[in-house]
């Protein structure tokens, strides 16, 4: 798509207004989602959940792939898990991994409020340990994998995700542009360093075909990686 002549002249307020317009039109939050957002503030958790529009996008990815089994790395309060779990069939399953027990407790309450407890397993502990345990017990492959956890471990998360995938599995990884910091990560910026390493690893891996899409809106300037397992 060609760049529009006035593309660089769009200000941040307009971008935010457009994001709100899209969210209200295509991804209005119901009571369960709105309560989940409020629970994040009430619990003093960082407001780093996906936007409503991004949640709807994850929902559509799950629907488009016909996902019956979904794996999420990084639960937070369960906002994205609610979006994805709603796309599952009646016998579908979502497994979400969360490092902090207090976050997992909030997520479980939100999932229960949304009527999704029976479809979602919240596993607490370091994701790398949980992933290794899942691979060791030969967990059935997942159809959709969403990576949205600590960025420094993204390259390792990719390796484990591929072990838990099948041909045709879709892997999505959030926050891989870091407002452009991936171009030249500042010293000590572990998130940008991890994202850059992940992007390079993903691009070079012959087991997948992938791309990174820039995203800009209420959550700032970032990007989403999408990869299909060959």
Protein backbone atom coordinates (compact mmCIF):
# COMPACT_ATOMS: atom_id res chain seq x y z
CA UNK A 1 0.00 0.00 0.00
CA UNK A 2 1.42 3.37 -1.02
CA UNK A 3 2.11 5.96 1.65
CA UNK A 4 -0.54 8.66 1.72
CA UNK A 5 0.79 12.19 1.12
CA UNK A 6 -0.22 13.39 4.59
CA UNK A 7 0.71 10.25 6.50
CA UNK A 8 3.52 11.90 8.47
CA UNK A 9 1.26 14.80 9.46
CA UNK A 10 -1.16 12.70 11.55
CA UNK A 11 -0.74 13.68 15.20
CA UNK A 12 -0.87 11.40 18.23
CA UNK A 13 -4.31 12.63 19.29
CA UNK A 14 -5.75 11.73 15.91
CA UNK A 15 -4.14 8.28 16.08
CA UNK A 16 -5.61 7.71 19.54
CA UNK A 17 -9.03 8.95 18.40
CA UNK A 18 -8.96 6.59 15.42
CA UNK A 19 -8.03 3.69 17.69
CA UNK A 20 -10.97 4.50 19.99
CA UNK A 21 -13.23 4.76 16.93
CA UNK A 22 -12.13 1.32 15.70
CA UNK A 23 -12.45 -0.23 19.16
CA UNK A 24 -15.94 1.19 19.72
CA UNK A 25 -17.10 0.15 16.25
CA UNK A 26 -15.60 -3.34 15.99
CA UNK A 27 -14.62 -4.38 19.53
CA UNK A 28 -16.93 -2.83 22.13
CA UNK A 29 -16.15 -4.15 25.58
CA UNK A 30 -18.89 -6.01 27.41
CA UNK A 31 -19.24 -6.10 31.18
CA UNK A 32 -16.73 -8.92 31.65
CA UNK A 33 -14.02 -7.22 29.61
CA UNK A 34 -14.66 -3.83 31.22
CA UNK A 35 -14.46 -5.42 34.68
CA UNK A 36 -11.17 -7.07 33.71
CA UNK A 37 -9.69 -3.70 32.77
CA UNK A 38 -10.86 -2.24 36.09
CA UNK A 39 -9.35 -5.18 37.98
CA UNK A 40 -5.93 -4.35 36.54
CA UNK A 41 -6.00 -0.87 38.07
CA UNK A 42 -7.54 -2.10 41.32
CA UNK A 43 -4.80 -4.70 41.77
CA UNK A 44 -2.03 -2.24 40.96
CA UNK A 45 -1.00 -4.24 37.92
CA UNK A 46 0.63 -2.60 34.91
CA UNK A 47 -1.89 -1.64 32.21
CA UNK A 48 -0.04 -3.55 29.51
CA UNK A 49 -2.91 -5.71 28.29
CA UNK A 50 -3.76 -5.66 24.60
CA UNK A 51 -6.26 -3.08 23.40
CA UNK A 52 -9.85 -4.06 22.61
CA UNK A 53 -9.08 -3.96 18.89
CA UNK A 54 -6.02 -6.14 19.36
CA UNK A 55 -8.10 -8.54 21.44
CA UNK A 56 -10.64 -8.75 18.63
CA UNK A 57 -7.79 -9.41 16.21
CA UNK A 58 -6.60 -12.34 18.35
CA UNK A 59 -10.19 -13.59 18.47
CA UNK A 60 -10.35 -13.49 14.68
CA UNK A 61 -7.00 -15.27 14.34
CA UNK A 62 -8.37 -18.06 16.51
CA UNK A 63 -11.55 -18.24 14.46
CA UNK A 64 -9.75 -18.09 11.11
CA UNK A 65 -7.38 -20.90 12.08
CA UNK A 66 -10.19 -23.00 13.54
CA UNK A 67 -8.20 -23.23 16.75
CA UNK A 68 -9.29 -25.85 19.26
CA UNK A 69 -6.20 -25.56 21.46
CA UNK A 70 -4.57 -22.22 22.27
CA UNK A 71 -1.43 -21.50 24.28
CA UNK A 72 -0.79 -18.06 25.78
CA UNK A 73 2.46 -16.92 27.39
CA UNK A 74 1.72 -14.05 29.76
CA UNK A 75 -1.73 -14.00 31.36
CA UNK A 76 -1.69 -10.74 33.35
CA UNK A 77 -5.38 -10.27 34.30
CA UNK A 78 -6.79 -12.53 31.61
CA UNK A 79 -7.96 -9.85 29.16
CA UNK A 80 -6.47 -11.40 26.00
CA UNK A 81 -7.30 -14.88 27.30
CA UNK A 82 -10.99 -13.91 27.43
CA UNK A 83 -10.92 -12.72 23.82
CA UNK A 84 -9.22 -15.87 22.56
CA UNK A 85 -11.19 -18.33 24.70
CA UNK A 86 -14.42 -16.89 23.33
CA UNK A 87 -13.32 -18.00 19.87
CA UNK A 88 -12.95 -21.63 20.93
CA UNK A 89 -15.53 -24.33 20.22
CA UNK A 90 -17.38 -25.90 23.15
CA UNK A 91 -14.70 -28.55 23.60
CA UNK A 92 -11.79 -26.16 23.03
CA UNK A 93 -9.04 -25.42 25.53
CA UNK A 94 -6.78 -22.47 26.29
CA UNK A 95 -3.68 -22.85 28.45
CA UNK A 96 -2.21 -19.60 29.74
CA UNK A 97 1.08 -19.24 31.59
CA UNK A 98 1.62 -16.58 34.28
CA UNK A 99 4.72 -16.00 36.39
CA UNK A 100 3.12 -14.10 39.28
CA UNK A 101 0.62 -15.91 41.52
CA UNK A 102 -1.17 -12.65 42.38
CA UNK A 103 -1.75 -11.93 38.69
CA UNK A 104 -3.00 -15.46 38.13
CA UNK A 105 -5.48 -15.09 41.00
CA UNK A 106 -6.94 -11.93 39.42
CA UNK A 107 -7.08 -13.64 36.02
CA UNK A 108 -8.95 -16.64 37.39
CA UNK A 109 -11.62 -14.37 38.89
CA UNK A 110 -11.99 -12.52 35.60
CA UNK A 111 -12.24 -15.73 33.62
CA UNK A 112 -14.85 -17.03 36.03
CA UNK A 113 -16.83 -13.81 35.66
CA UNK A 114 -16.69 -14.24 31.88
CA UNK A 115 -17.98 -17.82 32.19
CA UNK A 116 -14.77 -19.29 30.76
CA UNK A 117 -13.20 -21.11 33.70
CA UNK A 118 -14.06 -24.50 32.23
CA UNK A 119 -12.17 -23.69 29.01
CA UNK A 120 -9.05 -22.09 30.46
CA UNK A 121 -6.16 -23.49 32.51
CA UNK A 122 -4.00 -20.88 34.27
CA UNK A 123 -0.57 -22.32 35.05
CA UNK A 124 1.60 -20.40 37.52
CA UNK A 125 5.40 -20.34 37.42
CA UNK A 126 8.32 -19.45 35.16
CA UNK A 127 7.12 -19.95 31.58
CA UNK A 128 10.29 -21.73 30.49
CA UNK A 129 9.77 -24.35 33.19
CA UNK A 130 6.09 -24.74 32.34
CA UNK A 131 6.87 -25.09 28.63
CA UNK A 132 9.56 -27.69 29.29
CA UNK A 133 7.15 -29.68 31.46
CA UNK A 134 4.48 -29.54 28.75
CA UNK A 135 6.91 -30.77 26.12
CA UNK A 136 8.20 -33.50 28.45
CA UNK A 137 4.72 -34.91 28.97
CA UNK A 138 4.03 -34.73 25.23
CA UNK A 139 1.25 -32.16 25.43
CA UNK A 140 -0.91 -32.30 22.28
CA UNK A 141 0.07 -29.58 19.80
CA UNK A 142 -1.54 -26.16 19.90
CA UNK A 143 -3.25 -24.53 16.94
CA UNK A 144 -2.56 -20.93 18.03
CA UNK A 145 0.22 -19.68 20.30
CA UNK A 146 0.28 -16.10 21.60
CA UNK A 147 3.54 -14.87 23.15
CA UNK A 148 3.14 -11.78 25.33
CA UNK A 149 5.50 -12.22 28.27
CA UNK A 150 9.00 -11.02 29.25
CA UNK A 151 10.78 -10.05 26.06
CA UNK A 152 14.29 -11.17 27.00
CA UNK A 153 13.13 -14.79 26.84
CA UNK A 154 11.26 -14.43 23.54
CA UNK A 155 13.92 -16.37 21.56
CA UNK A 156 13.65 -19.29 23.98
CA UNK A 157 9.86 -19.04 23.94
CA UNK A 158 9.97 -19.43 20.17
CA UNK A 159 11.97 -22.67 20.44
CA UNK A 160 9.54 -24.17 22.94
CA UNK A 161 6.53 -22.94 20.99
CA UNK A 162 7.76 -24.75 17.91
CA UNK A 163 8.09 -27.95 19.94
CA UNK A 164 4.47 -27.57 21.02
CA UNK A 165 3.18 -26.73 17.54
CA UNK A 166 2.20 -28.66 14.44
CA UNK A 167 2.27 -27.93 10.74
CA UNK A 168 -0.12 -25.02 10.25
CA UNK A 169 0.07 -23.68 13.80
CA UNK A 170 -0.03 -19.89 13.96
CA UNK A 171 2.38 -18.18 16.36
CA UNK A 172 1.78 -14.53 17.28
CA UNK A 173 4.25 -12.52 19.37
CA UNK A 174 3.39 -9.07 20.71
CA UNK A 175 5.60 -6.02 21.36
CA UNK A 176 8.40 -6.82 18.92
CA UNK A 177 9.03 -3.27 17.64
CA UNK A 178 9.30 -1.39 20.96
CA UNK A 179 8.63 2.06 19.48
CA UNK A 180 11.56 1.51 17.12
CA UNK A 181 14.05 0.54 19.83
CA UNK A 182 14.68 -2.78 18.04
CA UNK A 183 16.61 -0.87 15.37
CA UNK A 184 19.38 -0.07 17.86
CA UNK A 185 18.53 -1.35 21.34
CA UNK A 186 19.91 0.89 24.10
CA UNK A 187 22.33 -0.74 26.51
CA UNK A 188 20.36 -2.30 29.34
CA UNK A 189 17.04 -2.33 27.46
CA UNK A 190 16.42 -6.05 27.85
CA UNK A 191 12.98 -5.85 26.24
CA UNK A 192 14.31 -4.27 23.04
CA UNK A 193 17.31 -6.61 22.99
CA UNK A 194 15.09 -9.66 23.40
CA UNK A 195 12.67 -8.46 20.75
CA UNK A 196 15.46 -7.83 18.24
CA UNK A 197 16.97 -11.28 18.89
CA UNK A 198 13.54 -12.85 18.54
CA UNK A 199 12.85 -11.08 15.24
CA UNK A 200 16.19 -12.20 13.80
CA UNK A 201 15.66 -15.77 15.00
CA UNK A 202 12.14 -15.89 13.61
CA UNK A 203 13.20 -14.52 10.21
CA UNK A 204 16.01 -17.07 9.92
CA UNK A 205 14.09 -20.15 11.08
CA UNK A 206 13.27 -22.42 8.11
CA UNK A 207 10.46 -24.07 10.06
CA UNK A 208 8.22 -21.01 9.73
CA UNK A 209 7.09 -18.35 7.29
CA UNK A 210 6.68 -15.07 9.11
CA UNK A 211 6.29 -11.30 9.07
CA UNK A 212 6.17 -8.42 11.58
CA UNK A 213 3.38 -5.85 11.35
CA UNK A 214 3.85 -2.40 12.86
CA UNK A 215 1.02 -1.27 15.12
CA UNK A 216 0.24 2.20 16.42
CA UNK A 217 -2.61 3.39 18.59
CA UNK A 218 -3.65 3.75 22.21
CA UNK A 219 -0.91 1.30 23.24
CA UNK A 220 1.77 3.35 21.49
CA UNK A 221 4.04 2.29 18.65
CA UNK A 222 4.88 -1.41 18.57
CA UNK A 223 4.51 -4.48 16.40
CA UNK A 224 3.09 -7.97 16.18
CA UNK A 225 4.99 -10.91 14.71
CA UNK A 226 2.97 -13.56 12.90
CA UNK A 227 4.42 -16.92 11.91
CA UNK A 228 2.92 -20.03 10.36
CA UNK A 229 4.63 -23.32 11.04
CA UNK A 230 5.46 -25.05 7.77
